[in-house]
Amino acid sequence: MAKVKRADGSSVEDRRETIQINRSDDIDRMRFRCPNGHTRWTPTNSHVYCSSCGKARDSHRDADPEHYELLDKKTGELISWSRIELIDGR
């Protein structure tokens, strides 16, 4: 019986398609959100920081403002930060 290799997207050979997000485009801003549904996220070195989640945490609610995925509201898919490329469409 042959072994079946499973790809998890972590290597260059099996990574999934890159998603380009134009942060100056209001449509993209509303489509791609933090996993909690907020649109006020900012890219950092290896993840995104959501200021809305940060305010919730400061108000003593259980919220983590650091995320490694974004939610695509159009498809419902959680997209790994490693698949995202930010572009400036100005």
N, C-alpha and C. Protein backbone atom coordinates (compact mmCIF):
# COMPACT_ATOMS: atom_id res chain seq x y z
N MET A 1 0.84 -1.18 0.00
CA MET A 1 0.00 0.00 0.00
C MET A 1 0.89 1.24 0.00
N ALA A 2 0.62 2.18 -0.91
CA ALA A 2 1.43 3.39 -1.05
C ALA A 2 1.06 4.39 0.05
N LYS A 3 2.08 5.12 0.50
CA LYS A 3 1.83 6.17 1.48
C LYS A 3 1.22 7.37 0.78
N VAL A 4 0.29 8.00 1.47
CA VAL A 4 -0.35 9.20 0.93
C VAL A 4 0.25 10.40 1.65
N LYS A 5 0.78 11.33 0.87
CA LYS A 5 1.32 12.55 1.45
C LYS A 5 0.19 13.57 1.57
N ARG A 6 0.15 14.22 2.69
CA ARG A 6 -0.85 15.26 2.92
C ARG A 6 -0.14 16.59 3.02
N ALA A 7 -0.63 17.55 2.29
CA ALA A 7 -0.04 18.89 2.30
C ALA A 7 -0.78 19.78 3.28
N ASP A 8 -0.03 20.46 4.13
CA ASP A 8 -0.66 21.38 5.07
C ASP A 8 -0.45 22.83 4.70
N GLY A 9 0.24 23.09 3.57
CA GLY A 9 0.44 24.45 3.11
C GLY A 9 1.61 25.17 3.76
N SER A 10 2.37 24.47 4.57
CA SER A 10 3.46 25.13 5.30
C SER A 10 4.75 25.24 4.51
N SER A 11 4.89 24.51 3.43
CA SER A 11 6.11 24.62 2.62
C SER A 11 5.81 25.30 1.29
N VAL A 12 6.85 25.77 0.64
CA VAL A 12 6.69 26.47 -0.64
C VAL A 12 6.03 25.55 -1.66
N GLU A 13 6.37 24.28 -1.65
CA GLU A 13 5.87 23.35 -2.66
C GLU A 13 4.36 23.11 -2.55
N ASP A 14 3.81 23.21 -1.37
CA ASP A 14 2.39 22.90 -1.22
C ASP A 14 1.57 24.07 -0.67
N ARG A 15 2.13 25.27 -0.72
CA ARG A 15 1.37 26.41 -0.21
C ARG A 15 0.18 26.71 -1.11
N ARG A 16 -0.81 27.29 -0.50
CA ARG A 16 -2.02 27.64 -1.24
C ARG A 16 -1.86 29.01 -1.89
N GLU A 17 -2.79 29.34 -2.73
CA GLU A 17 -2.76 30.59 -3.48
C GLU A 17 -2.65 31.81 -2.56
N THR A 18 -1.83 32.78 -2.97
CA THR A 18 -1.69 34.02 -2.23
C THR A 18 -2.91 34.90 -2.49
N ILE A 19 -3.40 35.54 -1.45
CA ILE A 19 -4.53 36.44 -1.54
C ILE A 19 -4.00 37.87 -1.44
N GLN A 20 -4.29 38.70 -2.44
CA GLN A 20 -3.88 40.10 -2.40
C GLN A 20 -5.01 40.93 -1.81
N ILE A 21 -4.65 41.77 -0.83
CA ILE A 21 -5.61 42.65 -0.19
C ILE A 21 -5.13 44.08 -0.37
N ASN A 22 -5.99 44.90 -0.94
CA ASN A 22 -5.70 46.31 -1.13
C ASN A 22 -6.27 47.05 0.08
N ARG A 23 -5.41 47.48 1.00
CA ARG A 23 -5.86 48.12 2.23
C ARG A 23 -6.45 49.51 2.01
N SER A 24 -6.22 50.12 0.84
CA SER A 24 -6.81 51.43 0.59
C SER A 24 -8.18 51.31 -0.10
N ASP A 25 -8.61 50.09 -0.36
CA ASP A 25 -9.89 49.82 -1.02
C ASP A 25 -10.94 49.49 0.05
N ASP A 26 -12.01 50.28 0.10
CA ASP A 26 -13.06 50.06 1.11
C ASP A 26 -13.73 48.70 0.98
N ILE A 27 -13.84 48.18 -0.24
CA ILE A 27 -14.46 46.87 -0.43
C ILE A 27 -13.60 45.78 0.21
N ASP A 28 -12.28 45.82 -0.03
CA ASP A 28 -11.39 44.84 0.60
C ASP A 28 -11.39 45.01 2.12
N ARG A 29 -11.44 46.25 2.58
CA ARG A 29 -11.43 46.51 4.02
C ARG A 29 -12.65 45.88 4.70
N MET A 30 -13.78 45.89 4.04
CA MET A 30 -14.99 45.30 4.62
C MET A 30 -15.03 43.78 4.42
N ARG A 31 -14.37 43.29 3.39
CA ARG A 31 -14.39 41.85 3.11
C ARG A 31 -13.47 41.06 4.03
N PHE A 32 -12.26 41.55 4.25
CA PHE A 32 -11.27 40.81 5.04
C PHE A 32 -11.22 41.39 6.44
N ARG A 33 -11.54 40.56 7.43
CA ARG A 33 -11.70 41.02 8.81
C ARG A 33 -10.91 40.12 9.76
N CYS A 34 -10.76 40.60 10.99
CA CYS A 34 -10.16 39.73 12.00
C CYS A 34 -11.14 38.57 12.24
N PRO A 35 -10.71 37.48 12.84
CA PRO A 35 -11.61 36.34 13.07
C PRO A 35 -12.86 36.69 13.89
N ASN A 36 -12.84 37.81 14.61
CA ASN A 36 -14.00 38.24 15.39
C ASN A 36 -14.90 39.18 14.61
N GLY A 37 -14.58 39.44 13.33
CA GLY A 37 -15.44 40.23 12.46
C GLY A 37 -15.12 41.71 12.39
N HIS A 38 -14.03 42.15 13.01
CA HIS A 38 -13.68 43.57 13.00
C HIS A 38 -12.85 43.95 11.78
N THR A 39 -13.01 45.19 11.34
CA THR A 39 -12.29 45.68 10.16
C THR A 39 -11.08 46.55 10.53
N ARG A 40 -10.87 46.82 11.80
CA ARG A 40 -9.79 47.71 12.23
C ARG A 40 -8.54 46.94 12.62
N TRP A 41 -7.96 46.22 11.68
CA TRP A 41 -6.74 45.46 11.94
C TRP A 41 -5.57 46.12 11.22
N THR A 42 -4.38 45.91 11.79
CA THR A 42 -3.15 46.49 11.27
C THR A 42 -2.12 45.38 11.14
N PRO A 43 -1.39 45.33 10.03
CA PRO A 43 -0.36 44.30 9.90
C PRO A 43 0.82 44.57 10.82
N THR A 44 1.39 43.50 11.36
CA THR A 44 2.62 43.58 12.14
C THR A 44 3.64 42.67 11.46
N ASN A 45 4.71 42.32 12.14
CA ASN A 45 5.75 41.50 11.52
C ASN A 45 5.26 40.15 11.04
N SER A 46 4.51 39.45 11.86
CA SER A 46 4.12 38.09 11.47
C SER A 46 2.63 37.80 11.70
N HIS A 47 1.86 38.83 11.98
CA HIS A 47 0.43 38.64 12.22
C HIS A 47 -0.27 39.99 12.08
N VAL A 48 -1.55 40.03 12.44
CA VAL A 48 -2.28 41.29 12.44
C VAL A 48 -2.71 41.62 13.86
N TYR A 49 -2.81 42.91 14.13
CA TYR A 49 -3.30 43.40 15.42
C TYR A 49 -4.63 44.09 15.16
N CYS A 50 -5.66 43.68 15.89
CA CYS A 50 -6.99 44.27 15.75
C CYS A 50 -7.23 45.23 16.90
N SER A 51 -7.37 46.51 16.58
CA SER A 51 -7.56 47.50 17.64
C SER A 51 -8.94 47.35 18.31
N SER A 52 -9.94 46.87 17.59
CA SER A 52 -11.25 46.63 18.21
C SER A 52 -11.16 45.51 19.25
N CYS A 53 -10.45 44.45 18.94
CA CYS A 53 -10.25 43.37 19.91
C CYS A 53 -9.41 43.88 21.10
N GLY A 54 -8.44 44.75 20.81
CA GLY A 54 -7.62 45.33 21.87
C GLY A 54 -8.46 46.16 22.83
N LYS A 55 -9.41 46.95 22.31
CA LYS A 55 -10.30 47.73 23.16
C LYS A 55 -11.20 46.82 23.99
N ALA A 56 -11.66 45.74 23.40
CA ALA A 56 -12.49 44.78 24.13
C ALA A 56 -11.69 44.16 25.28
N ARG A 57 -10.43 43.82 25.00
CA ARG A 57 -9.58 43.25 26.05
C ARG A 57 -9.35 44.27 27.16
N ASP A 58 -9.14 45.54 26.78
CA ASP A 58 -8.93 46.59 27.78
C ASP A 58 -10.17 46.80 28.64
N SER A 59 -11.34 46.44 28.12
CA SER A 59 -12.60 46.56 28.87
C SER A 59 -12.88 45.29 29.66
N HIS A 60 -11.84 44.49 29.85
CA HIS A 60 -11.92 43.26 30.66
C HIS A 60 -12.79 42.18 30.03
N ARG A 61 -12.88 42.21 28.71
CA ARG A 61 -13.55 41.12 28.01
C ARG A 61 -12.49 40.17 27.48
N ASP A 62 -12.86 38.93 27.33
CA ASP A 62 -11.92 37.91 26.87
C ASP A 62 -11.72 38.04 25.36
N ALA A 63 -10.74 38.82 24.96
CA ALA A 63 -10.46 39.02 23.54
C ALA A 63 -8.95 39.11 23.35
N ASP A 64 -8.46 38.45 22.34
CA ASP A 64 -7.05 38.52 22.00
C ASP A 64 -6.92 39.37 20.74
N PRO A 65 -6.17 40.47 20.78
CA PRO A 65 -6.08 41.35 19.60
C PRO A 65 -5.08 40.89 18.54
N GLU A 66 -4.30 39.85 18.83
CA GLU A 66 -3.31 39.37 17.88
C GLU A 66 -3.84 38.13 17.16
N HIS A 67 -3.85 38.21 15.82
CA HIS A 67 -4.42 37.13 15.01
C HIS A 67 -3.44 36.70 13.93
N TYR A 68 -3.47 35.43 13.60
CA TYR A 68 -2.61 34.86 12.55
C TYR A 68 -3.43 34.46 11.33
N GLU A 69 -4.70 34.83 11.33
CA GLU A 69 -5.60 34.55 10.21
C GLU A 69 -6.54 35.74 10.04
N LEU A 70 -7.05 35.89 8.83
CA LEU A 70 -8.11 36.86 8.55
C LEU A 70 -9.31 36.11 8.02
N LEU A 71 -10.48 36.62 8.31
CA LEU A 71 -11.73 36.03 7.85
C LEU A 71 -12.15 36.69 6.55
N ASP A 72 -12.38 35.88 5.53
CA ASP A 72 -12.92 36.37 4.26
C ASP A 72 -14.44 36.29 4.39
N LYS A 73 -15.10 37.43 4.56
CA LYS A 73 -16.55 37.45 4.76
C LYS A 73 -17.30 36.94 3.54
N LYS A 74 -16.70 37.05 2.36
CA LYS A 74 -17.37 36.59 1.14
C LYS A 74 -17.47 35.07 1.08
N THR A 75 -16.39 34.39 1.48
CA THR A 75 -16.36 32.93 1.38
C THR A 75 -16.53 32.22 2.73
N GLY A 76 -16.31 32.95 3.83
CA GLY A 76 -16.36 32.35 5.16
C GLY A 76 -15.06 31.65 5.54
N GLU A 77 -14.06 31.73 4.68
CA GLU A 77 -12.78 31.04 4.90
C GLU A 77 -11.87 31.85 5.83
N LEU A 78 -11.19 31.16 6.74
CA LEU A 78 -10.13 31.77 7.52
C LEU A 78 -8.84 31.62 6.72
N ILE A 79 -8.19 32.74 6.42
CA ILE A 79 -7.00 32.74 5.58
C ILE A 79 -5.77 32.99 6.44
N SER A 80 -4.83 32.08 6.35
CA SER A 80 -3.58 32.20 7.10
C SER A 80 -2.84 33.47 6.68
N TRP A 81 -2.28 34.17 7.66
CA TRP A 81 -1.55 35.41 7.39
C TRP A 81 -0.41 35.18 6.40
N SER A 82 0.17 33.99 6.38
CA SER A 82 1.28 33.69 5.47
C SER A 82 0.83 33.68 4.01
N ARG A 83 -0.46 33.57 3.75
CA ARG A 83 -0.99 33.56 2.38
C ARG A 83 -1.37 34.95 1.88
N ILE A 84 -1.30 35.95 2.75
CA ILE A 84 -1.79 37.27 2.41
C ILE A 84 -0.66 38.19 1.97
N GLU A 85 -0.94 38.91 0.89
CA GLU A 85 -0.02 39.94 0.40
C GLU A 85 -0.79 41.25 0.38
N LEU A 86 -0.29 42.24 1.12
CA LEU A 86 -0.93 43.54 1.15
C LEU A 86 -0.38 44.38 0.00
N ILE A 87 -1.29 45.04 -0.71
CA ILE A 87 -0.87 45.91 -1.79
C ILE A 87 -1.43 47.30 -1.56
N ASP A 88 -0.77 48.30 -2.12
CA ASP A 88 -1.23 49.67 -2.02
C ASP A 88 -1.76 50.07 -3.38
N GLY A 89 -3.07 50.19 -3.49
CA GLY A 89 -3.70 50.44 -4.77
C GLY A 89 -3.92 51.90 -5.11
N ARG A 90 -3.25 52.78 -4.41
CA ARG A 90 -3.45 54.20 -4.68
C ARG A 90 -2.86 54.62 -5.97
